[in-house]
Amino acid sequence: MKKFLLLWAALAITSSAAWAQKADDMVGEWYNFEKDAIVDVYKKGDAYYGKVSWLKNDFNEDKSKPKRDQKNPNEKLRTRVILGLGILKDLKWDADDKEWKGGEIYDTKSGKTYSCYAYLQKDGTLFFKGYILGMPFLGRSTTWTRASK
């Protein structure tokens, strides 16, 4: 019984250490949920940002290229090219909660910008909750999968 308890304690310590998250764990390339885009997440100062670095279909509904930000509510921004567009900004690491908070995420498919927070799930995916009006229950969630590191 004593050996079993020691083994169990060792496994518990090992698994919790393996799950310890660090601020820069978000850095790298991530597929969006649909896997039709990759977002390159990087650190600038003490905040994290992301820009679109790959698109599966880099064309507009009328088949013209390159794909543009046509859903943007600001008509002047609808000619922006999606590839290279910054869609994630100002996320900051909260070491106590083990998540990134206080930033914004832009959804190119709807043209909406959301306040957001993010955290790594145990399976290694990156969970985002985008919300409006400062109320996390008013919004939507998505999960990204690491493309490379």
N, C-alpha and C. Protein backbone atom coordinates (compact mmCIF):
# COMPACT_ATOMS: atom_id res chain seq x y z
N MET A 1 0.82 -1.19 0.00
CA MET A 1 0.00 0.00 0.00
C MET A 1 0.87 1.25 0.00
N LYS A 2 1.96 1.21 0.76
CA LYS A 2 2.86 2.35 0.84
C LYS A 2 3.47 2.64 -0.53
N LYS A 3 3.86 1.57 -1.27
CA LYS A 3 4.44 1.74 -2.60
C LYS A 3 3.42 2.35 -3.55
N PHE A 4 2.17 1.91 -3.45
CA PHE A 4 1.11 2.45 -4.29
C PHE A 4 0.95 3.95 -4.05
N LEU A 5 0.92 4.38 -2.79
CA LEU A 5 0.77 5.80 -2.47
C LEU A 5 1.94 6.62 -2.98
N LEU A 6 3.16 6.09 -2.84
CA LEU A 6 4.33 6.80 -3.35
C LEU A 6 4.27 6.93 -4.87
N LEU A 7 3.88 5.86 -5.55
CA LEU A 7 3.76 5.89 -7.00
C LEU A 7 2.68 6.90 -7.41
N TRP A 8 1.55 6.88 -6.76
CA TRP A 8 0.47 7.80 -7.07
C TRP A 8 0.92 9.25 -6.86
N ALA A 9 1.61 9.53 -5.78
CA ALA A 9 2.11 10.88 -5.50
C ALA A 9 3.10 11.33 -6.57
N ALA A 10 3.98 10.43 -6.97
CA ALA A 10 4.97 10.77 -8.00
C ALA A 10 4.28 11.08 -9.33
N LEU A 11 3.29 10.28 -9.68
CA LEU A 11 2.54 10.53 -10.92
C LEU A 11 1.78 11.85 -10.86
N ALA A 12 1.19 12.16 -9.74
CA ALA A 12 0.44 13.41 -9.58
C ALA A 12 1.36 14.61 -9.73
N ILE A 13 2.53 14.56 -9.12
CA ILE A 13 3.48 15.66 -9.21
C ILE A 13 3.98 15.81 -10.64
N THR A 14 4.30 14.70 -11.29
CA THR A 14 4.80 14.73 -12.66
C THR A 14 3.75 15.29 -13.61
N SER A 15 2.51 14.84 -13.49
CA SER A 15 1.48 15.31 -14.41
C SER A 15 1.15 16.77 -14.18
N SER A 16 1.16 17.26 -12.96
CA SER A 16 0.88 18.67 -12.73
C SER A 16 2.03 19.53 -13.21
N ALA A 17 3.26 19.05 -13.08
CA ALA A 17 4.41 19.81 -13.59
C ALA A 17 4.36 19.87 -15.11
N ALA A 18 3.93 18.79 -15.74
CA ALA A 18 3.85 18.78 -17.20
C ALA A 18 2.77 19.73 -17.69
N TRP A 19 1.77 20.00 -16.88
CA TRP A 19 0.67 20.86 -17.29
C TRP A 19 0.93 22.33 -16.95
N ALA A 20 2.01 22.62 -16.25
CA ALA A 20 2.32 24.00 -15.89
C ALA A 20 2.44 24.83 -17.16
N GLN A 21 1.66 25.90 -17.21
CA GLN A 21 1.68 26.75 -18.38
C GLN A 21 2.57 27.96 -18.14
N LYS A 22 3.14 28.45 -19.23
CA LYS A 22 3.95 29.64 -19.18
C LYS A 22 3.37 30.66 -20.15
N ALA A 23 3.69 31.90 -19.92
CA ALA A 23 3.15 32.99 -20.73
C ALA A 23 3.41 32.79 -22.22
N ASP A 24 4.62 32.37 -22.58
CA ASP A 24 4.97 32.27 -23.99
C ASP A 24 4.47 31.00 -24.67
N ASP A 25 3.72 30.16 -23.96
CA ASP A 25 3.17 28.95 -24.58
C ASP A 25 2.19 29.27 -25.71
N MET A 26 1.70 30.49 -25.76
CA MET A 26 0.78 30.90 -26.81
C MET A 26 1.52 31.22 -28.12
N VAL A 27 2.79 31.54 -28.03
CA VAL A 27 3.56 31.95 -29.19
C VAL A 27 3.70 30.79 -30.17
N GLY A 28 3.49 31.09 -31.44
CA GLY A 28 3.63 30.08 -32.50
C GLY A 28 2.51 30.21 -33.52
N GLU A 29 2.42 29.21 -34.36
CA GLU A 29 1.41 29.21 -35.42
C GLU A 29 0.25 28.30 -35.03
N TRP A 30 -0.96 28.79 -35.25
CA TRP A 30 -2.18 28.08 -34.84
C TRP A 30 -3.18 28.05 -35.99
N TYR A 31 -3.73 26.86 -36.24
CA TYR A 31 -4.87 26.76 -37.16
C TYR A 31 -6.11 27.28 -36.45
N ASN A 32 -6.93 28.02 -37.18
CA ASN A 32 -8.23 28.38 -36.63
C ASN A 32 -9.10 27.13 -36.55
N PHE A 33 -10.29 27.24 -35.99
CA PHE A 33 -11.16 26.08 -35.79
C PHE A 33 -11.44 25.34 -37.10
N GLU A 34 -11.70 26.09 -38.16
CA GLU A 34 -12.05 25.48 -39.45
C GLU A 34 -10.83 24.94 -40.19
N LYS A 35 -9.65 25.25 -39.70
CA LYS A 35 -8.38 24.88 -40.33
C LYS A 35 -8.25 25.45 -41.74
N ASP A 36 -8.87 26.61 -41.98
CA ASP A 36 -8.72 27.26 -43.27
C ASP A 36 -7.84 28.51 -43.19
N ALA A 37 -7.22 28.70 -42.02
CA ALA A 37 -6.28 29.81 -41.84
C ALA A 37 -5.31 29.46 -40.72
N ILE A 38 -4.13 30.06 -40.80
CA ILE A 38 -3.15 29.95 -39.72
C ILE A 38 -2.89 31.36 -39.20
N VAL A 39 -2.87 31.47 -37.88
CA VAL A 39 -2.57 32.74 -37.23
C VAL A 39 -1.22 32.59 -36.53
N ASP A 40 -0.33 33.52 -36.82
CA ASP A 40 0.99 33.56 -36.19
C ASP A 40 0.88 34.44 -34.95
N VAL A 41 1.01 33.82 -33.77
CA VAL A 41 0.92 34.56 -32.51
C VAL A 41 2.33 34.87 -32.04
N TYR A 42 2.55 36.13 -31.69
CA TYR A 42 3.88 36.58 -31.28
C TYR A 42 3.75 37.53 -30.09
N LYS A 43 4.88 37.74 -29.44
CA LYS A 43 4.92 38.62 -28.28
C LYS A 43 5.61 39.93 -28.67
N LYS A 44 5.02 41.02 -28.23
CA LYS A 44 5.59 42.35 -28.44
C LYS A 44 5.48 43.08 -27.12
N GLY A 45 6.62 43.35 -26.48
CA GLY A 45 6.59 43.91 -25.14
C GLY A 45 6.06 42.86 -24.19
N ASP A 46 5.04 43.21 -23.42
CA ASP A 46 4.45 42.24 -22.50
C ASP A 46 3.07 41.76 -22.97
N ALA A 47 2.77 42.01 -24.25
CA ALA A 47 1.47 41.62 -24.79
C ALA A 47 1.65 40.67 -25.97
N TYR A 48 0.56 39.98 -26.29
CA TYR A 48 0.56 38.99 -27.37
C TYR A 48 -0.37 39.44 -28.48
N TYR A 49 0.07 39.20 -29.71
CA TYR A 49 -0.63 39.63 -30.91
C TYR A 49 -0.67 38.47 -31.89
N GLY A 50 -1.55 38.56 -32.87
CA GLY A 50 -1.60 37.52 -33.89
C GLY A 50 -2.01 38.08 -35.23
N LYS A 51 -1.40 37.55 -36.28
CA LYS A 51 -1.76 37.97 -37.63
C LYS A 51 -1.94 36.74 -38.50
N VAL A 52 -2.78 36.87 -39.50
CA VAL A 52 -3.06 35.78 -40.43
C VAL A 52 -1.82 35.55 -41.29
N SER A 53 -1.28 34.33 -41.25
CA SER A 53 -0.06 34.04 -42.02
C SER A 53 -0.30 33.05 -43.16
N TRP A 54 -1.48 32.44 -43.22
CA TRP A 54 -1.80 31.50 -44.29
C TRP A 54 -3.31 31.40 -44.43
N LEU A 55 -3.77 31.31 -45.66
CA LEU A 55 -5.19 31.11 -45.96
C LEU A 55 -5.34 29.95 -46.93
N LYS A 56 -6.26 29.08 -46.66
CA LYS A 56 -6.53 27.96 -47.56
C LYS A 56 -7.10 28.48 -48.88
N ASN A 57 -8.02 29.42 -48.79
CA ASN A 57 -8.67 30.00 -49.97
C ASN A 57 -8.46 31.51 -49.93
N ASP A 58 -7.46 31.97 -50.64
CA ASP A 58 -7.12 33.39 -50.64
C ASP A 58 -7.82 34.14 -51.77
N PHE A 59 -9.14 33.96 -51.86
CA PHE A 59 -9.90 34.66 -52.88
C PHE A 59 -11.25 35.08 -52.31
N ASN A 60 -11.83 36.08 -52.94
CA ASN A 60 -13.11 36.63 -52.51
C ASN A 60 -14.27 35.84 -53.11
N GLU A 61 -15.48 36.20 -52.71
CA GLU A 61 -16.67 35.52 -53.23
C GLU A 61 -16.77 35.62 -54.74
N ASP A 62 -16.28 36.74 -55.30
CA ASP A 62 -16.33 36.91 -56.76
C ASP A 62 -15.12 36.28 -57.46
N LYS A 63 -14.33 35.49 -56.71
CA LYS A 63 -13.15 34.75 -57.18
C LYS A 63 -11.93 35.64 -57.43
N SER A 64 -12.03 36.94 -57.12
CA SER A 64 -10.86 37.81 -57.25
C SER A 64 -9.89 37.53 -56.12
N LYS A 65 -8.61 37.87 -56.33
CA LYS A 65 -7.57 37.67 -55.33
C LYS A 65 -6.88 38.99 -55.08
N PRO A 66 -6.28 39.19 -53.95
CA PRO A 66 -6.30 38.38 -52.74
C PRO A 66 -7.58 38.64 -51.94
N LYS A 67 -7.82 37.78 -50.97
CA LYS A 67 -9.01 37.90 -50.13
C LYS A 67 -8.94 39.20 -49.34
N ARG A 68 -10.04 39.92 -49.29
CA ARG A 68 -10.12 41.22 -48.62
C ARG A 68 -11.06 41.16 -47.42
N ASP A 69 -10.95 42.14 -46.58
CA ASP A 69 -11.74 42.26 -45.35
C ASP A 69 -13.13 42.83 -45.65
N GLN A 70 -13.89 42.14 -46.49
CA GLN A 70 -15.15 42.64 -47.02
C GLN A 70 -16.27 42.75 -46.00
N LYS A 71 -16.17 42.06 -44.88
CA LYS A 71 -17.23 42.08 -43.86
C LYS A 71 -17.00 43.18 -42.81
N ASN A 72 -15.92 43.93 -42.94
CA ASN A 72 -15.60 44.94 -41.95
C ASN A 72 -16.71 46.00 -41.91
N PRO A 73 -17.18 46.38 -40.72
CA PRO A 73 -18.24 47.38 -40.63
C PRO A 73 -17.79 48.76 -41.10
N ASN A 74 -16.49 49.01 -41.10
CA ASN A 74 -15.95 50.28 -41.58
C ASN A 74 -15.65 50.13 -43.08
N GLU A 75 -16.44 50.81 -43.91
CA GLU A 75 -16.30 50.67 -45.36
C GLU A 75 -14.89 50.97 -45.84
N LYS A 76 -14.18 51.87 -45.18
CA LYS A 76 -12.83 52.24 -45.60
C LYS A 76 -11.84 51.09 -45.39
N LEU A 77 -12.16 50.14 -44.52
CA LEU A 77 -11.26 49.02 -44.23
C LEU A 77 -11.57 47.77 -45.04
N ARG A 78 -12.60 47.80 -45.84
CA ARG A 78 -13.01 46.61 -46.58
C ARG A 78 -12.06 46.21 -47.70
N THR A 79 -11.12 47.06 -48.04
CA THR A 79 -10.14 46.72 -49.08
C THR A 79 -8.86 46.12 -48.48
N ARG A 80 -8.78 46.04 -47.15
CA ARG A 80 -7.59 45.45 -46.52
C ARG A 80 -7.46 43.99 -46.92
N VAL A 81 -6.24 43.56 -47.15
CA VAL A 81 -5.96 42.17 -47.49
C VAL A 81 -5.95 41.36 -46.19
N ILE A 82 -6.61 40.19 -46.19
CA ILE A 82 -6.68 39.33 -45.00
C ILE A 82 -5.32 38.74 -44.66
N LEU A 83 -4.59 38.25 -45.67
CA LEU A 83 -3.29 37.66 -45.42
C LEU A 83 -2.35 38.74 -44.86
N GLY A 84 -1.86 38.51 -43.66
CA GLY A 84 -1.01 39.49 -42.98
C GLY A 84 -1.77 40.41 -42.03
N LEU A 85 -3.08 40.30 -42.01
CA LEU A 85 -3.90 41.17 -41.16
C LEU A 85 -3.79 40.78 -39.69
N GLY A 86 -3.59 41.77 -38.84
CA GLY A 86 -3.57 41.54 -37.40
C GLY A 86 -4.98 41.32 -36.90
N ILE A 87 -5.23 40.17 -36.27
CA ILE A 87 -6.58 39.88 -35.79
C ILE A 87 -6.63 39.67 -34.28
N LEU A 88 -5.47 39.64 -33.64
CA LEU A 88 -5.39 39.42 -32.20
C LEU A 88 -4.46 40.48 -31.63
N LYS A 89 -4.93 41.18 -30.57
CA LYS A 89 -4.06 42.21 -30.02
C LYS A 89 -4.23 42.40 -28.53
N ASP A 90 -3.14 42.79 -27.93
CA ASP A 90 -3.09 43.24 -26.53
C ASP A 90 -3.48 42.20 -25.48
N LEU A 91 -3.32 40.91 -25.76
CA LEU A 91 -3.57 39.91 -24.72
C LEU A 91 -2.39 39.91 -23.75
N LYS A 92 -2.69 39.86 -22.47
CA LYS A 92 -1.63 39.85 -21.46
C LYS A 92 -1.80 38.62 -20.57
N TRP A 93 -0.67 38.06 -20.19
CA TRP A 93 -0.64 36.85 -19.38
C TRP A 93 -1.03 37.15 -17.94
N ASP A 94 -1.94 36.37 -17.40
CA ASP A 94 -2.31 36.45 -15.99
C ASP A 94 -1.81 35.16 -15.34
N ALA A 95 -0.70 35.27 -14.62
CA ALA A 95 -0.05 34.08 -14.04
C ALA A 95 -0.93 33.41 -12.99
N ASP A 96 -1.74 34.18 -12.27
CA ASP A 96 -2.61 33.58 -11.25
C ASP A 96 -3.69 32.71 -11.87
N ASP A 97 -4.32 33.20 -12.94
CA ASP A 97 -5.39 32.45 -13.59
C ASP A 97 -4.90 31.54 -14.71
N LYS A 98 -3.63 31.65 -15.05
CA LYS A 98 -3.04 30.84 -16.13
C LYS A 98 -3.80 31.01 -17.43
N GLU A 99 -4.05 32.29 -17.79
CA GLU A 99 -4.70 32.58 -19.05
C GLU A 99 -4.28 33.97 -19.54
N TRP A 100 -4.54 34.22 -20.80
CA TRP A 100 -4.26 35.50 -21.41
C TRP A 100 -5.56 36.29 -21.42
N LYS A 101 -5.48 37.57 -21.01
CA LYS A 101 -6.69 38.38 -20.85
C LYS A 101 -6.50 39.78 -21.41
N GLY A 102 -7.63 40.47 -21.50
CA GLY A 102 -7.60 41.91 -21.78
C GLY A 102 -7.39 42.30 -23.22
N GLY A 103 -7.40 41.35 -24.12
CA GLY A 103 -7.15 41.67 -25.51
C GLY A 103 -8.41 41.70 -26.35
N GLU A 104 -8.17 41.77 -27.65
CA GLU A 104 -9.27 41.76 -28.62
C GLU A 104 -8.95 40.77 -29.73
N ILE A 105 -10.00 40.20 -30.28
CA ILE A 105 -9.86 39.31 -31.42
C ILE A 105 -10.85 39.75 -32.49
N TYR A 106 -10.39 39.81 -33.73
CA TYR A 106 -11.21 40.23 -34.85
C TYR A 106 -11.57 39.00 -35.68
N ASP A 107 -12.85 38.83 -35.95
CA ASP A 107 -13.34 37.72 -36.76
C ASP A 107 -13.52 38.22 -38.19
N THR A 108 -12.63 37.81 -39.09
CA THR A 108 -12.68 38.28 -40.48
C THR A 108 -13.92 37.77 -41.22
N LYS A 109 -14.50 36.68 -40.73
CA LYS A 109 -15.66 36.11 -41.41
C LYS A 109 -16.95 36.88 -41.12
N SER A 110 -17.00 37.54 -39.95
CA SER A 110 -18.19 38.31 -39.60
C SER A 110 -17.94 39.81 -39.57
N GLY A 111 -16.67 40.20 -39.49
CA GLY A 111 -16.33 41.61 -39.38
C GLY A 111 -16.49 42.16 -37.97
N LYS A 112 -16.62 41.28 -37.00
CA LYS A 112 -16.84 41.70 -35.62
C LYS A 112 -15.56 41.61 -34.80
N THR A 113 -15.40 42.55 -33.89
CA THR A 113 -14.29 42.55 -32.95
C THR A 113 -14.84 42.26 -31.57
N TYR A 114 -14.17 41.37 -30.87
CA TYR A 114 -14.61 40.95 -29.55
C TYR A 114 -13.49 41.19 -28.53
N SER A 115 -13.85 41.53 -27.30
CA SER A 115 -12.92 41.41 -26.19
C SER A 115 -12.70 39.92 -26.02
N CYS A 116 -11.55 39.53 -25.49
CA CYS A 116 -11.33 38.08 -25.38
C CYS A 116 -10.38 37.71 -24.26
N TYR A 117 -10.45 36.44 -23.93
CA TYR A 117 -9.44 35.80 -23.10
C TYR A 117 -9.16 34.45 -23.71
N ALA A 118 -8.01 33.86 -23.35
CA ALA A 118 -7.62 32.59 -23.94
C ALA A 118 -6.85 31.78 -22.91
N TYR A 119 -6.90 30.47 -23.08
CA TYR A 119 -6.08 29.59 -22.25
C TYR A 119 -5.83 28.29 -23.00
N LEU A 120 -4.73 27.64 -22.62
CA LEU A 120 -4.42 26.34 -23.19
C LEU A 120 -5.23 25.27 -22.48
N GLN A 121 -5.80 24.38 -23.26
CA GLN A 121 -6.52 23.25 -22.69
C GLN A 121 -5.55 22.08 -22.53
N LYS A 122 -5.94 21.10 -21.74
CA LYS A 122 -5.05 19.97 -21.47
C LYS A 122 -4.65 19.21 -22.72
N ASP A 123 -5.48 19.25 -23.76
CA ASP A 123 -5.14 18.56 -25.00
C ASP A 123 -4.20 19.38 -25.90
N GLY A 124 -3.78 20.57 -25.42
CA GLY A 124 -2.84 21.40 -26.17
C GLY A 124 -3.49 22.40 -27.10
N THR A 125 -4.81 22.39 -27.20
CA THR A 125 -5.49 23.37 -28.05
C THR A 125 -5.61 24.69 -27.28
N LEU A 126 -5.79 25.74 -28.04
CA LEU A 126 -5.90 27.08 -27.48
C LEU A 126 -7.35 27.52 -27.55
N PHE A 127 -7.97 27.70 -26.39
CA PHE A 127 -9.38 28.06 -26.28
C PHE A 127 -9.49 29.58 -26.21
N PHE A 128 -10.37 30.15 -27.03
CA PHE A 128 -10.66 31.58 -26.99
C PHE A 128 -12.13 31.79 -26.66
N LYS A 129 -12.39 32.76 -25.84
CA LYS A 129 -13.75 33.23 -25.60
C LYS A 129 -13.78 34.69 -26.00
N GLY A 130 -14.56 34.99 -27.03
CA GLY A 130 -14.76 36.36 -27.47
C GLY A 130 -16.10 36.84 -26.97
N TYR A 131 -16.14 38.08 -26.48
CA TYR A 131 -17.39 38.57 -25.89
C TYR A 131 -17.54 40.07 -26.13
N ILE A 132 -18.74 40.55 -25.89
CA ILE A 132 -19.05 41.97 -26.09
C ILE A 132 -19.55 42.59 -24.79
N LEU A 133 -19.48 43.89 -24.73
CA LEU A 133 -20.00 44.66 -23.60
C LEU A 133 -19.43 44.24 -22.25
N GLY A 134 -18.23 43.71 -22.25
CA GLY A 134 -17.60 43.32 -20.99
C GLY A 134 -18.25 42.13 -20.31
N MET A 135 -19.10 41.40 -21.03
CA MET A 135 -19.82 40.27 -20.44
C MET A 135 -19.47 38.98 -21.17
N PRO A 136 -18.60 38.15 -20.56
CA PRO A 136 -18.17 36.92 -21.23
C PRO A 136 -19.30 35.98 -21.65
N PHE A 137 -20.47 36.10 -21.04
CA PHE A 137 -21.57 35.22 -21.45
C PHE A 137 -22.25 35.72 -22.72
N LEU A 138 -21.90 36.94 -23.19
CA LEU A 138 -22.42 37.46 -24.45
C LEU A 138 -21.31 37.36 -25.50
N GLY A 139 -21.21 36.26 -26.14
CA GLY A 139 -20.18 36.10 -27.15
C GLY A 139 -20.13 34.69 -27.67
N ARG A 140 -18.95 34.31 -28.12
CA ARG A 140 -18.79 32.97 -28.67
C ARG A 140 -17.38 32.47 -28.40
N SER A 141 -17.21 31.17 -28.55
CA SER A 141 -15.93 30.53 -28.27
C SER A 141 -15.39 29.86 -29.53
N THR A 142 -14.09 29.67 -29.54
CA THR A 142 -13.45 28.92 -30.61
C THR A 142 -12.20 28.25 -30.05
N THR A 143 -11.74 27.27 -30.75
CA THR A 143 -10.54 26.53 -30.33
C THR A 143 -9.58 26.46 -31.51
N TRP A 144 -8.32 26.79 -31.25
CA TRP A 144 -7.28 26.71 -32.27
C TRP A 144 -6.36 25.53 -31.97
N THR A 145 -5.79 24.98 -33.03
CA THR A 145 -4.87 23.84 -32.92
C THR A 145 -3.49 24.28 -33.41
N ARG A 146 -2.48 23.89 -32.67
CA ARG A 146 -1.10 24.29 -33.03
C ARG A 146 -0.73 23.74 -34.40
N ALA A 147 -0.20 24.63 -35.24
CA ALA A 147 0.27 24.24 -36.56
C ALA A 147 1.73 23.86 -36.51
N SER A 148 2.50 24.59 -35.71
CA SER A 148 3.93 24.28 -35.53
C SER A 148 4.42 25.07 -34.33
N LYS A 149 5.66 24.81 -33.94
CA LYS A 149 6.22 25.59 -32.83
C LYS A 149 7.67 25.85 -33.08
